[in-house]
Amino acid sequence: MEAHATSARYVSIAVDLATRIAREEYREGQKILGRSSLAGRYNVSPETIRRALSLLEEMGIVHVLPGVGVVIKSKLAAESYLAQVGQHQALQEIQDRLSALLREKNKLDAQIAQLMDELLNYTFKMATRLQKIYEVKIPSTSPLAGKTLADSEFRAKTGATVLAVEREGETTYSPPAHMKIRSGDLLVIIGPQEEKDQVYALVDHP
């Protein structure tokens, strides 16, 4: 954290000096305070000032001359540097806002998923209170034998739903509409209790 604070501080000093140069508080060719004086002005260590001046020198804004001091080199370079800093700050702000929105979205997605689970559980509990699950075996004489679930119009005629089909030791859950019903199949059904007689009548259960 301390290293990051120091890093941010030397950049902010470089930006402040570049701003003063762009405003012509310091003019091209002018010598400004030395490192020690600048360190006192900004209340930082000489090393922090050295890093700020090195950055400005790399950008072509100042000359750091041993034994002479810091000389202003280019107002135009200072303006260019400030433009780059402004663009970087704008991009950083957009990235920060986007990250915050994504974090909020993830929280909302989690809350929505939880509420959906609660709703489904509640709906299932309510449905099972009103409907019963039971099994019906298809006899060889059943008119449904050889028909698909769709052809039998099972749900339309009985109001019940086939949850699974057990056949020769294997179970097919949520059977597709094109699945053919065979003699000996065991249908696992959910439906209103009062419609149970209609299911048995359709199956022709003995």
N, C-alpha and C. Protein backbone atom coordinates (compact mmCIF):
# COMPACT_ATOMS: atom_id res chain seq x y z
N MET A 1 0.83 -1.21 0.00
CA MET A 1 0.00 0.00 0.00
C MET A 1 0.86 1.26 0.00
N GLU A 2 1.99 1.25 0.82
CA GLU A 2 2.87 2.39 0.88
C GLU A 2 3.54 2.65 -0.45
N ALA A 3 3.99 1.56 -1.11
CA ALA A 3 4.66 1.69 -2.41
C ALA A 3 3.71 2.29 -3.43
N HIS A 4 2.44 1.83 -3.40
CA HIS A 4 1.44 2.36 -4.35
C HIS A 4 1.20 3.83 -4.09
N ALA A 5 1.14 4.24 -2.80
CA ALA A 5 0.91 5.63 -2.45
C ALA A 5 2.06 6.51 -2.93
N THR A 6 3.30 6.00 -2.75
CA THR A 6 4.47 6.75 -3.21
C THR A 6 4.44 6.90 -4.72
N SER A 7 4.09 5.81 -5.42
CA SER A 7 4.00 5.84 -6.88
C SER A 7 2.99 6.88 -7.33
N ALA A 8 1.82 6.87 -6.72
CA ALA A 8 0.77 7.82 -7.10
C ALA A 8 1.22 9.24 -6.80
N ARG A 9 1.98 9.42 -5.73
CA ARG A 9 2.42 10.76 -5.32
C ARG A 9 3.40 11.35 -6.34
N TYR A 10 4.36 10.57 -6.81
CA TYR A 10 5.35 11.14 -7.75
C TYR A 10 4.68 11.47 -9.08
N VAL A 11 3.68 10.67 -9.47
CA VAL A 11 2.94 10.98 -10.71
C VAL A 11 2.14 12.26 -10.54
N SER A 12 1.50 12.42 -9.38
CA SER A 12 0.70 13.63 -9.15
C SER A 12 1.59 14.87 -9.12
N ILE A 13 2.82 14.74 -8.61
CA ILE A 13 3.76 15.88 -8.62
C ILE A 13 4.16 16.20 -10.05
N ALA A 14 4.43 15.16 -10.86
CA ALA A 14 4.78 15.37 -12.26
C ALA A 14 3.64 16.07 -13.00
N VAL A 15 2.40 15.66 -12.71
CA VAL A 15 1.23 16.29 -13.35
C VAL A 15 1.11 17.75 -12.92
N ASP A 16 1.35 18.01 -11.63
CA ASP A 16 1.26 19.39 -11.14
C ASP A 16 2.30 20.28 -11.80
N LEU A 17 3.53 19.79 -11.89
CA LEU A 17 4.58 20.57 -12.54
C LEU A 17 4.27 20.80 -14.02
N ALA A 18 3.78 19.73 -14.70
CA ALA A 18 3.44 19.87 -16.12
C ALA A 18 2.31 20.88 -16.30
N THR A 19 1.36 20.89 -15.37
CA THR A 19 0.25 21.85 -15.45
C THR A 19 0.77 23.28 -15.30
N ARG A 20 1.69 23.49 -14.38
CA ARG A 20 2.26 24.83 -14.19
C ARG A 20 3.02 25.27 -15.44
N ILE A 21 3.71 24.32 -16.07
CA ILE A 21 4.45 24.65 -17.30
C ILE A 21 3.47 24.98 -18.43
N ALA A 22 2.39 24.18 -18.55
CA ALA A 22 1.40 24.42 -19.59
C ALA A 22 0.73 25.79 -19.41
N ARG A 23 0.57 26.20 -18.14
CA ARG A 23 -0.04 27.51 -17.85
C ARG A 23 0.97 28.65 -17.91
N GLU A 24 2.22 28.29 -18.19
CA GLU A 24 3.33 29.24 -18.30
C GLU A 24 3.64 29.92 -16.98
N GLU A 25 3.34 29.22 -15.88
CA GLU A 25 3.85 29.69 -14.59
C GLU A 25 5.37 29.49 -14.58
N TYR A 26 5.80 28.41 -15.25
CA TYR A 26 7.21 28.18 -15.55
C TYR A 26 7.35 28.25 -17.06
N ARG A 27 8.28 29.07 -17.56
CA ARG A 27 8.42 29.26 -19.00
C ARG A 27 9.62 28.46 -19.53
N GLU A 28 9.55 28.18 -20.82
CA GLU A 28 10.63 27.44 -21.47
C GLU A 28 11.96 28.15 -21.26
N GLY A 29 12.97 27.39 -20.90
CA GLY A 29 14.30 27.95 -20.64
C GLY A 29 14.49 28.38 -19.21
N GLN A 30 13.41 28.47 -18.46
CA GLN A 30 13.51 28.91 -17.06
C GLN A 30 14.01 27.78 -16.18
N LYS A 31 14.84 28.12 -15.21
CA LYS A 31 15.31 27.15 -14.23
C LYS A 31 14.38 27.22 -13.02
N ILE A 32 13.92 26.04 -12.59
CA ILE A 32 13.03 26.00 -11.42
C ILE A 32 13.81 25.45 -10.24
N LEU A 33 13.16 25.33 -9.13
CA LEU A 33 13.81 24.91 -7.89
C LEU A 33 14.50 23.56 -8.03
N GLY A 34 15.51 23.33 -7.24
CA GLY A 34 16.21 22.05 -7.24
C GLY A 34 15.42 20.99 -6.50
N ARG A 35 15.98 19.78 -6.47
CA ARG A 35 15.27 18.66 -5.88
C ARG A 35 14.92 18.90 -4.41
N SER A 36 15.87 19.40 -3.66
CA SER A 36 15.64 19.59 -2.22
C SER A 36 14.53 20.61 -1.99
N SER A 37 14.57 21.70 -2.75
CA SER A 37 13.54 22.73 -2.58
C SER A 37 12.17 22.19 -2.99
N LEU A 38 12.13 21.43 -4.09
CA LEU A 38 10.87 20.84 -4.53
C LEU A 38 10.35 19.82 -3.52
N ALA A 39 11.29 19.05 -2.93
CA ALA A 39 10.90 18.08 -1.91
C ALA A 39 10.26 18.79 -0.73
N GLY A 40 10.82 19.96 -0.35
CA GLY A 40 10.24 20.74 0.74
C GLY A 40 8.88 21.31 0.37
N ARG A 41 8.77 21.80 -0.88
CA ARG A 41 7.49 22.38 -1.31
C ARG A 41 6.37 21.34 -1.30
N TYR A 42 6.66 20.14 -1.80
CA TYR A 42 5.63 19.11 -1.89
C TYR A 42 5.59 18.19 -0.67
N ASN A 43 6.51 18.44 0.26
CA ASN A 43 6.55 17.67 1.50
C ASN A 43 6.71 16.18 1.23
N VAL A 44 7.68 15.85 0.36
CA VAL A 44 7.98 14.46 0.03
C VAL A 44 9.49 14.26 0.09
N SER A 45 9.93 13.03 -0.09
CA SER A 45 11.36 12.73 -0.07
C SER A 45 12.01 13.16 -1.38
N PRO A 46 13.31 13.42 -1.36
CA PRO A 46 14.03 13.75 -2.60
C PRO A 46 13.90 12.65 -3.66
N GLU A 47 13.78 11.39 -3.21
CA GLU A 47 13.63 10.28 -4.15
C GLU A 47 12.33 10.40 -4.93
N THR A 48 11.27 10.81 -4.25
CA THR A 48 9.97 10.99 -4.93
C THR A 48 10.07 12.10 -5.97
N ILE A 49 10.77 13.18 -5.61
CA ILE A 49 10.98 14.28 -6.56
C ILE A 49 11.83 13.80 -7.74
N ARG A 50 12.85 12.99 -7.45
CA ARG A 50 13.71 12.48 -8.53
C ARG A 50 12.89 11.68 -9.54
N ARG A 51 11.97 10.85 -9.04
CA ARG A 51 11.13 10.04 -9.94
C ARG A 51 10.19 10.92 -10.76
N ALA A 52 9.64 11.95 -10.12
CA ALA A 52 8.75 12.86 -10.85
C ALA A 52 9.50 13.59 -11.96
N LEU A 53 10.71 14.07 -11.64
CA LEU A 53 11.51 14.79 -12.64
C LEU A 53 11.99 13.86 -13.75
N SER A 54 12.31 12.62 -13.39
CA SER A 54 12.73 11.64 -14.42
C SER A 54 11.59 11.39 -15.40
N LEU A 55 10.38 11.32 -14.87
CA LEU A 55 9.22 11.12 -15.74
C LEU A 55 9.05 12.30 -16.69
N LEU A 56 9.16 13.51 -16.15
CA LEU A 56 9.03 14.71 -16.99
C LEU A 56 10.15 14.80 -18.02
N GLU A 57 11.33 14.37 -17.63
CA GLU A 57 12.46 14.40 -18.58
C GLU A 57 12.25 13.39 -19.70
N GLU A 58 11.73 12.21 -19.35
CA GLU A 58 11.44 11.18 -20.37
C GLU A 58 10.41 11.69 -21.37
N MET A 59 9.49 12.52 -20.91
CA MET A 59 8.44 13.05 -21.78
C MET A 59 8.92 14.28 -22.55
N GLY A 60 10.17 14.69 -22.34
CA GLY A 60 10.71 15.85 -23.06
C GLY A 60 10.21 17.17 -22.55
N ILE A 61 9.79 17.21 -21.28
CA ILE A 61 9.21 18.43 -20.73
C ILE A 61 10.27 19.28 -20.03
N VAL A 62 11.25 18.62 -19.39
CA VAL A 62 12.30 19.35 -18.67
C VAL A 62 13.65 18.72 -18.99
N HIS A 63 14.70 19.48 -18.67
CA HIS A 63 16.08 18.97 -18.65
C HIS A 63 16.51 18.94 -17.19
N VAL A 64 17.07 17.84 -16.76
CA VAL A 64 17.67 17.79 -15.43
C VAL A 64 19.19 17.81 -15.63
N LEU A 65 19.81 18.94 -15.30
CA LEU A 65 21.23 19.15 -15.58
C LEU A 65 22.03 19.09 -14.27
N PRO A 66 22.93 18.12 -14.15
CA PRO A 66 23.74 18.03 -12.93
C PRO A 66 24.51 19.32 -12.68
N GLY A 67 24.43 19.78 -11.47
CA GLY A 67 25.14 20.99 -11.10
C GLY A 67 24.43 22.26 -11.51
N VAL A 68 23.40 22.14 -12.31
CA VAL A 68 22.66 23.31 -12.77
C VAL A 68 21.26 23.33 -12.17
N GLY A 69 20.54 22.21 -12.31
CA GLY A 69 19.18 22.12 -11.79
C GLY A 69 18.21 21.68 -12.87
N VAL A 70 16.95 22.05 -12.68
CA VAL A 70 15.87 21.64 -13.58
C VAL A 70 15.51 22.82 -14.48
N VAL A 71 15.59 22.60 -15.79
CA VAL A 71 15.31 23.66 -16.76
C VAL A 71 14.11 23.24 -17.61
N ILE A 72 13.16 24.16 -17.78
CA ILE A 72 11.97 23.88 -18.58
C ILE A 72 12.36 23.77 -20.04
N LYS A 73 11.93 22.69 -20.69
CA LYS A 73 12.31 22.43 -22.07
C LYS A 73 11.17 22.73 -23.04
N SER A 74 9.92 22.20 -22.77
CA SER A 74 8.86 22.32 -23.78
C SER A 74 7.48 22.42 -23.15
N LYS A 75 6.81 23.52 -23.45
CA LYS A 75 5.42 23.69 -23.03
C LYS A 75 4.52 22.72 -23.80
N LEU A 76 4.82 22.55 -25.10
CA LEU A 76 4.01 21.66 -25.95
C LEU A 76 4.06 20.22 -25.43
N ALA A 77 5.25 19.79 -25.00
CA ALA A 77 5.39 18.44 -24.45
C ALA A 77 4.58 18.30 -23.17
N ALA A 78 4.55 19.38 -22.37
CA ALA A 78 3.78 19.36 -21.13
C ALA A 78 2.29 19.21 -21.44
N GLU A 79 1.81 19.93 -22.44
CA GLU A 79 0.41 19.85 -22.84
C GLU A 79 0.08 18.45 -23.35
N SER A 80 1.00 17.87 -24.15
CA SER A 80 0.80 16.52 -24.68
C SER A 80 0.73 15.49 -23.55
N TYR A 81 1.62 15.64 -22.57
CA TYR A 81 1.63 14.72 -21.43
C TYR A 81 0.33 14.82 -20.64
N LEU A 82 -0.15 16.03 -20.42
CA LEU A 82 -1.40 16.22 -19.67
C LEU A 82 -2.58 15.61 -20.40
N ALA A 83 -2.55 15.68 -21.74
CA ALA A 83 -3.63 15.07 -22.53
C ALA A 83 -3.61 13.55 -22.34
N GLN A 84 -2.41 12.96 -22.35
CA GLN A 84 -2.29 11.52 -22.14
C GLN A 84 -2.79 11.12 -20.76
N VAL A 85 -2.43 11.92 -19.76
CA VAL A 85 -2.87 11.64 -18.39
C VAL A 85 -4.40 11.71 -18.31
N GLY A 86 -4.97 12.72 -18.96
CA GLY A 86 -6.42 12.87 -18.95
C GLY A 86 -7.11 11.68 -19.59
N GLN A 87 -6.57 11.20 -20.72
CA GLN A 87 -7.14 10.03 -21.38
C GLN A 87 -7.04 8.79 -20.50
N HIS A 88 -5.89 8.64 -19.85
CA HIS A 88 -5.70 7.49 -18.97
C HIS A 88 -6.68 7.52 -17.81
N GLN A 89 -6.86 8.71 -17.23
CA GLN A 89 -7.79 8.85 -16.11
C GLN A 89 -9.22 8.55 -16.55
N ALA A 90 -9.58 9.02 -17.76
CA ALA A 90 -10.93 8.76 -18.27
C ALA A 90 -11.15 7.27 -18.46
N LEU A 91 -10.15 6.60 -19.05
CA LEU A 91 -10.26 5.15 -19.24
C LEU A 91 -10.34 4.42 -17.90
N GLN A 92 -9.53 4.88 -16.94
CA GLN A 92 -9.54 4.24 -15.62
C GLN A 92 -10.91 4.40 -14.96
N GLU A 93 -11.50 5.58 -15.10
CA GLU A 93 -12.83 5.82 -14.52
C GLU A 93 -13.87 4.90 -15.16
N ILE A 94 -13.79 4.74 -16.49
CA ILE A 94 -14.72 3.85 -17.18
C ILE A 94 -14.53 2.41 -16.71
N GLN A 95 -13.26 1.98 -16.60
CA GLN A 95 -12.99 0.62 -16.12
C GLN A 95 -13.49 0.41 -14.70
N ASP A 96 -13.30 1.41 -13.85
CA ASP A 96 -13.77 1.30 -12.46
C ASP A 96 -15.29 1.21 -12.40
N ARG A 97 -15.97 2.03 -13.21
CA ARG A 97 -17.43 2.00 -13.24
C ARG A 97 -17.94 0.67 -13.77
N LEU A 98 -17.26 0.17 -14.83
CA LEU A 98 -17.66 -1.11 -15.41
C LEU A 98 -17.47 -2.24 -14.40
N SER A 99 -16.34 -2.23 -13.69
CA SER A 99 -16.09 -3.26 -12.69
C SER A 99 -17.15 -3.22 -11.59
N ALA A 100 -17.51 -2.01 -11.17
CA ALA A 100 -18.53 -1.87 -10.12
C ALA A 100 -19.88 -2.39 -10.61
N LEU A 101 -20.22 -2.08 -11.87
CA LEU A 101 -21.49 -2.55 -12.42
C LEU A 101 -21.51 -4.07 -12.56
N LEU A 102 -20.37 -4.65 -12.97
CA LEU A 102 -20.29 -6.10 -13.11
C LEU A 102 -20.42 -6.79 -11.76
N ARG A 103 -19.80 -6.19 -10.72
CA ARG A 103 -19.96 -6.75 -9.37
C ARG A 103 -21.41 -6.69 -8.94
N GLU A 104 -22.06 -5.57 -9.23
CA GLU A 104 -23.48 -5.43 -8.88
C GLU A 104 -24.34 -6.42 -9.66
N LYS A 105 -24.00 -6.60 -10.95
CA LYS A 105 -24.74 -7.56 -11.78
C LYS A 105 -24.60 -8.97 -11.22
N ASN A 106 -23.39 -9.35 -10.82
CA ASN A 106 -23.19 -10.68 -10.26
C ASN A 106 -24.01 -10.89 -8.99
N LYS A 107 -24.09 -9.83 -8.17
CA LYS A 107 -24.91 -9.92 -6.95
C LYS A 107 -26.39 -10.10 -7.32
N LEU A 108 -26.84 -9.32 -8.32
CA LEU A 108 -28.23 -9.41 -8.74
C LEU A 108 -28.53 -10.78 -9.35
N ASP A 109 -27.59 -11.30 -10.16
CA ASP A 109 -27.78 -12.62 -10.76
C ASP A 109 -27.91 -13.69 -9.68
N ALA A 110 -27.08 -13.58 -8.64
CA ALA A 110 -27.14 -14.55 -7.55
C ALA A 110 -28.47 -14.46 -6.81
N GLN A 111 -28.93 -13.23 -6.59
CA GLN A 111 -30.21 -13.04 -5.90
C GLN A 111 -31.37 -13.57 -6.74
N ILE A 112 -31.31 -13.31 -8.07
CA ILE A 112 -32.36 -13.80 -8.96
C ILE A 112 -32.39 -15.32 -8.98
N ALA A 113 -31.19 -15.93 -9.05
CA ALA A 113 -31.12 -17.40 -9.05
C ALA A 113 -31.70 -17.98 -7.76
N GLN A 114 -31.39 -17.33 -6.64
CA GLN A 114 -31.90 -17.82 -5.35
C GLN A 114 -33.42 -17.71 -5.30
N LEU A 115 -33.94 -16.56 -5.76
CA LEU A 115 -35.40 -16.37 -5.76
C LEU A 115 -36.09 -17.36 -6.71
N MET A 116 -35.45 -17.64 -7.85
CA MET A 116 -36.02 -18.61 -8.79
C MET A 116 -36.09 -19.99 -8.15
N ASP A 117 -35.04 -20.37 -7.44
CA ASP A 117 -35.04 -21.66 -6.75
C ASP A 117 -36.15 -21.72 -5.70
N GLU A 118 -36.29 -20.62 -4.95
CA GLU A 118 -37.34 -20.58 -3.93
C GLU A 118 -38.72 -20.67 -4.58
N LEU A 119 -38.90 -19.97 -5.71
CA LEU A 119 -40.19 -19.99 -6.40
C LEU A 119 -40.52 -21.39 -6.92
N LEU A 120 -39.50 -22.04 -7.54
CA LEU A 120 -39.71 -23.38 -8.08
C LEU A 120 -40.03 -24.38 -6.97
N ASN A 121 -39.30 -24.27 -5.86
CA ASN A 121 -39.56 -25.17 -4.74
C ASN A 121 -40.97 -24.96 -4.18
N TYR A 122 -41.36 -23.70 -4.06
CA TYR A 122 -42.69 -23.40 -3.54
C TYR A 122 -43.77 -23.90 -4.49
N THR A 123 -43.55 -23.66 -5.80
CA THR A 123 -44.52 -24.10 -6.80
C THR A 123 -44.65 -25.62 -6.81
N PHE A 124 -43.50 -26.31 -6.69
CA PHE A 124 -43.54 -27.77 -6.68
C PHE A 124 -44.30 -28.28 -5.46
N LYS A 125 -44.03 -27.66 -4.31
CA LYS A 125 -44.73 -28.09 -3.09
C LYS A 125 -46.23 -27.87 -3.22
N MET A 126 -46.62 -26.71 -3.78
CA MET A 126 -48.05 -26.43 -3.96
C MET A 126 -48.66 -27.41 -4.94
N ALA A 127 -47.92 -27.73 -6.01
CA ALA A 127 -48.46 -28.64 -7.03
C ALA A 127 -48.64 -30.04 -6.47
N THR A 128 -47.68 -30.49 -5.68
CA THR A 128 -47.79 -31.85 -5.15
C THR A 128 -48.86 -31.95 -4.07
N ARG A 129 -49.22 -30.84 -3.47
CA ARG A 129 -50.31 -30.87 -2.50
C ARG A 129 -51.65 -31.09 -3.22
N LEU A 130 -51.74 -30.50 -4.41
CA LEU A 130 -52.99 -30.58 -5.16
C LEU A 130 -53.05 -31.81 -6.07
N GLN A 131 -51.88 -32.39 -6.38
CA GLN A 131 -51.85 -33.53 -7.28
C GLN A 131 -51.16 -34.71 -6.62
N LYS A 132 -51.42 -35.88 -7.12
CA LYS A 132 -50.85 -37.10 -6.55
C LYS A 132 -50.01 -37.82 -7.60
N ILE A 133 -48.99 -38.51 -7.12
CA ILE A 133 -48.16 -39.33 -8.00
C ILE A 133 -48.54 -40.79 -7.80
N TYR A 134 -48.81 -41.50 -8.88
CA TYR A 134 -49.15 -42.92 -8.79
C TYR A 134 -48.65 -43.63 -10.04
N GLU A 135 -48.74 -44.95 -10.02
CA GLU A 135 -48.22 -45.77 -11.11
C GLU A 135 -49.35 -46.55 -11.76
N VAL A 136 -49.24 -46.70 -13.07
CA VAL A 136 -50.23 -47.46 -13.84
C VAL A 136 -49.49 -48.39 -14.80
N LYS A 137 -49.81 -49.69 -14.75
CA LYS A 137 -49.17 -50.64 -15.66
C LYS A 137 -50.04 -50.82 -16.90
N ILE A 138 -49.41 -50.86 -18.06
CA ILE A 138 -50.12 -51.00 -19.32
C ILE A 138 -50.35 -52.49 -19.62
N PRO A 139 -51.60 -52.94 -19.61
CA PRO A 139 -51.88 -54.35 -19.92
C PRO A 139 -51.79 -54.61 -21.42
N SER A 140 -51.72 -55.87 -21.79
CA SER A 140 -51.62 -56.23 -23.21
C SER A 140 -52.87 -55.82 -23.98
N THR A 141 -53.99 -55.67 -23.28
CA THR A 141 -55.25 -55.31 -23.93
C THR A 141 -55.46 -53.80 -24.02
N SER A 142 -54.51 -53.02 -23.52
CA SER A 142 -54.70 -51.56 -23.48
C SER A 142 -54.73 -50.97 -24.88
N PRO A 143 -55.68 -50.08 -25.13
CA PRO A 143 -55.73 -49.40 -26.43
C PRO A 143 -54.55 -48.45 -26.63
N LEU A 144 -53.80 -48.18 -25.55
CA LEU A 144 -52.65 -47.28 -25.67
C LEU A 144 -51.42 -48.00 -26.19
N ALA A 145 -51.37 -49.31 -26.06
CA ALA A 145 -50.20 -50.07 -26.49
C ALA A 145 -49.93 -49.85 -27.97
N GLY A 146 -48.72 -49.45 -28.31
CA GLY A 146 -48.35 -49.19 -29.70
C GLY A 146 -48.52 -47.74 -30.11
N LYS A 147 -49.17 -46.93 -29.28
CA LYS A 147 -49.35 -45.51 -29.59
C LYS A 147 -48.26 -44.68 -28.92
N THR A 148 -47.96 -43.51 -29.50
CA THR A 148 -47.05 -42.58 -28.84
C THR A 148 -47.84 -41.79 -27.80
N LEU A 149 -47.12 -41.16 -26.91
CA LEU A 149 -47.79 -40.31 -25.91
C LEU A 149 -48.58 -39.20 -26.58
N ALA A 150 -48.03 -38.68 -27.68
CA ALA A 150 -48.73 -37.61 -28.40
C ALA A 150 -50.01 -38.13 -29.04
N ASP A 151 -49.94 -39.33 -29.68
CA ASP A 151 -51.12 -39.91 -30.34
C ASP A 151 -52.20 -40.26 -29.33
N SER A 152 -51.79 -40.66 -28.13
CA SER A 152 -52.78 -41.06 -27.12
C SER A 152 -53.52 -39.88 -26.51
N GLU A 153 -52.98 -38.67 -26.72
CA GLU A 153 -53.57 -37.45 -26.14
C GLU A 153 -53.77 -37.63 -24.64
N PHE A 154 -52.76 -38.22 -24.02
CA PHE A 154 -52.86 -38.60 -22.62
C PHE A 154 -53.18 -37.41 -21.72
N ARG A 155 -52.42 -36.35 -21.85
CA ARG A 155 -52.62 -35.19 -20.98
C ARG A 155 -53.94 -34.50 -21.27
N ALA A 156 -54.29 -34.38 -22.56
CA ALA A 156 -55.54 -33.69 -22.92
C ALA A 156 -56.77 -34.43 -22.40
N LYS A 157 -56.69 -35.77 -22.43
CA LYS A 157 -57.87 -36.56 -22.04
C LYS A 157 -57.97 -36.81 -20.54
N THR A 158 -56.84 -36.73 -19.84
CA THR A 158 -56.86 -37.07 -18.41
C THR A 158 -56.47 -35.92 -17.50
N GLY A 159 -55.80 -34.91 -18.02
CA GLY A 159 -55.31 -33.82 -17.17
C GLY A 159 -54.09 -34.22 -16.37
N ALA A 160 -53.56 -35.43 -16.62
CA ALA A 160 -52.40 -35.93 -15.89
C ALA A 160 -51.16 -35.90 -16.79
N THR A 161 -49.99 -35.98 -16.17
CA THR A 161 -48.72 -35.94 -16.89
C THR A 161 -47.91 -37.19 -16.60
N VAL A 162 -47.33 -37.77 -17.64
CA VAL A 162 -46.46 -38.93 -17.46
C VAL A 162 -45.07 -38.43 -17.08
N LEU A 163 -44.68 -38.70 -15.84
CA LEU A 163 -43.37 -38.25 -15.36
C LEU A 163 -42.25 -39.18 -15.83
N ALA A 164 -42.55 -40.47 -15.91
CA ALA A 164 -41.52 -41.44 -16.28
C ALA A 164 -42.16 -42.70 -16.81
N VAL A 165 -41.38 -43.46 -17.58
CA VAL A 165 -41.82 -44.76 -18.10
C VAL A 165 -40.77 -45.79 -17.68
N GLU A 166 -41.20 -46.80 -16.95
CA GLU A 166 -40.31 -47.89 -16.55
C GLU A 166 -40.55 -49.07 -17.50
N ARG A 167 -39.46 -49.52 -18.13
CA ARG A 167 -39.57 -50.59 -19.12
C ARG A 167 -38.36 -51.51 -19.02
N GLU A 168 -38.63 -52.77 -18.73
CA GLU A 168 -37.58 -53.80 -18.67
C GLU A 168 -36.41 -53.37 -17.78
N GLY A 169 -36.75 -52.81 -16.64
CA GLY A 169 -35.72 -52.45 -15.66
C GLY A 169 -35.07 -51.10 -15.89
N GLU A 170 -35.44 -50.42 -16.97
CA GLU A 170 -34.89 -49.10 -17.24
C GLU A 170 -35.98 -48.04 -17.13
N THR A 171 -35.59 -46.86 -16.66
CA THR A 171 -36.55 -45.78 -16.46
C THR A 171 -36.21 -44.60 -17.36
N THR A 172 -37.21 -44.14 -18.10
CA THR A 172 -37.06 -42.95 -18.93
C THR A 172 -37.81 -41.80 -18.27
N TYR A 173 -37.08 -40.80 -17.78
CA TYR A 173 -37.71 -39.66 -17.13
C TYR A 173 -38.09 -38.61 -18.17
N SER A 174 -39.20 -37.92 -17.90
CA SER A 174 -39.72 -36.91 -18.82
C SER A 174 -39.74 -37.46 -20.24
N PRO A 175 -40.46 -38.55 -20.47
CA PRO A 175 -40.45 -39.19 -21.79
C PRO A 175 -40.92 -38.24 -22.89
N PRO A 176 -40.28 -38.31 -24.07
CA PRO A 176 -40.67 -37.42 -25.17
C PRO A 176 -42.03 -37.81 -25.74
N ALA A 177 -42.66 -36.86 -26.40
CA ALA A 177 -44.01 -37.09 -26.93
C ALA A 177 -44.04 -38.19 -27.98
N HIS A 178 -42.91 -38.42 -28.67
CA HIS A 178 -42.89 -39.44 -29.73
C HIS A 178 -42.61 -40.84 -29.20
N MET A 179 -42.42 -40.98 -27.89
CA MET A 179 -42.14 -42.30 -27.32
C MET A 179 -43.39 -43.17 -27.38
N LYS A 180 -43.24 -44.39 -27.89
CA LYS A 180 -44.37 -45.31 -27.99
C LYS A 180 -44.60 -46.05 -26.67
N ILE A 181 -45.86 -46.20 -26.33
CA ILE A 181 -46.23 -46.94 -25.14
C ILE A 181 -46.31 -48.42 -25.50
N ARG A 182 -45.74 -49.26 -24.66
CA ARG A 182 -45.75 -50.70 -24.92
C ARG A 182 -46.49 -51.44 -23.82
N SER A 183 -46.98 -52.60 -24.19
CA SER A 183 -47.58 -53.49 -23.20
C SER A 183 -46.54 -53.85 -22.15
N GLY A 184 -46.90 -53.78 -20.89
CA GLY A 184 -45.99 -54.08 -19.80
C GLY A 184 -45.28 -52.85 -19.24
N ASP A 185 -45.38 -51.70 -19.94
CA ASP A 185 -44.78 -50.47 -19.42
C ASP A 185 -45.46 -50.07 -18.11
N LEU A 186 -44.66 -49.48 -17.22
CA LEU A 186 -45.21 -48.91 -15.99
C LEU A 186 -45.10 -47.40 -16.10
N LEU A 187 -46.23 -46.72 -16.11
CA LEU A 187 -46.24 -45.27 -16.23
C LEU A 187 -46.29 -44.64 -14.84
N VAL A 188 -45.36 -43.72 -14.60
CA VAL A 188 -45.39 -42.95 -13.35
C VAL A 188 -46.07 -41.63 -13.67
N ILE A 189 -47.18 -41.39 -13.02
CA ILE A 189 -48.08 -40.30 -13.42
C ILE A 189 -48.30 -39.34 -12.26
N ILE A 190 -48.43 -38.04 -12.58
CA ILE A 190 -48.85 -37.05 -11.61
C ILE A 190 -50.08 -36.35 -12.16
N GLY A 191 -51.06 -36.19 -11.32
CA GLY A 191 -52.30 -35.55 -11.77
C GLY A 191 -53.27 -35.36 -10.63
N PRO A 192 -54.34 -34.63 -10.86
CA PRO A 192 -55.35 -34.43 -9.83
C PRO A 192 -55.96 -35.77 -9.41
N GLN A 193 -56.19 -35.90 -8.13
CA GLN A 193 -56.73 -37.16 -7.60
C GLN A 193 -58.07 -37.51 -8.24
N GLU A 194 -58.87 -36.48 -8.52
CA GLU A 194 -60.21 -36.72 -9.07
C GLU A 194 -60.16 -37.21 -10.52
N GLU A 195 -59.01 -37.06 -11.20
CA GLU A 195 -58.88 -37.50 -12.58
C GLU A 195 -58.32 -38.92 -12.69
N LYS A 196 -58.05 -39.54 -11.55
CA LYS A 196 -57.41 -40.85 -11.56
C LYS A 196 -58.26 -41.89 -12.31
N ASP A 197 -59.59 -41.84 -12.13
CA ASP A 197 -60.48 -42.80 -12.81
C ASP A 197 -60.39 -42.65 -14.32
N GLN A 198 -60.21 -41.41 -14.81
CA GLN A 198 -60.11 -41.20 -16.25
C GLN A 198 -58.82 -41.81 -16.80
N VAL A 199 -57.76 -41.73 -15.99
CA VAL A 199 -56.48 -42.36 -16.40
C VAL A 199 -56.68 -43.86 -16.54
N TYR A 200 -57.30 -44.47 -15.55
CA TYR A 200 -57.51 -45.93 -15.59
C TYR A 200 -58.44 -46.32 -16.74
N ALA A 201 -59.42 -45.49 -17.01
CA ALA A 201 -60.34 -45.77 -18.12
C ALA A 201 -59.62 -45.70 -19.46
N LEU A 202 -58.70 -44.71 -19.60
CA LEU A 202 -57.96 -44.58 -20.86
C LEU A 202 -57.00 -45.74 -21.04
N VAL A 203 -56.37 -46.15 -19.96
CA VAL A 203 -55.42 -47.25 -20.02
C VAL A 203 -56.12 -48.59 -20.15
N ASP A 204 -57.39 -48.62 -19.74
CA ASP A 204 -58.17 -49.87 -19.74
C ASP A 204 -57.54 -50.88 -18.76
N HIS A 205 -57.23 -50.33 -17.61
CA HIS A 205 -56.63 -51.16 -16.57
C HIS A 205 -57.66 -52.18 -16.08
N PRO A 206 -57.31 -53.46 -15.99
CA PRO A 206 -58.29 -54.48 -15.53
C PRO A 206 -58.63 -54.30 -14.06
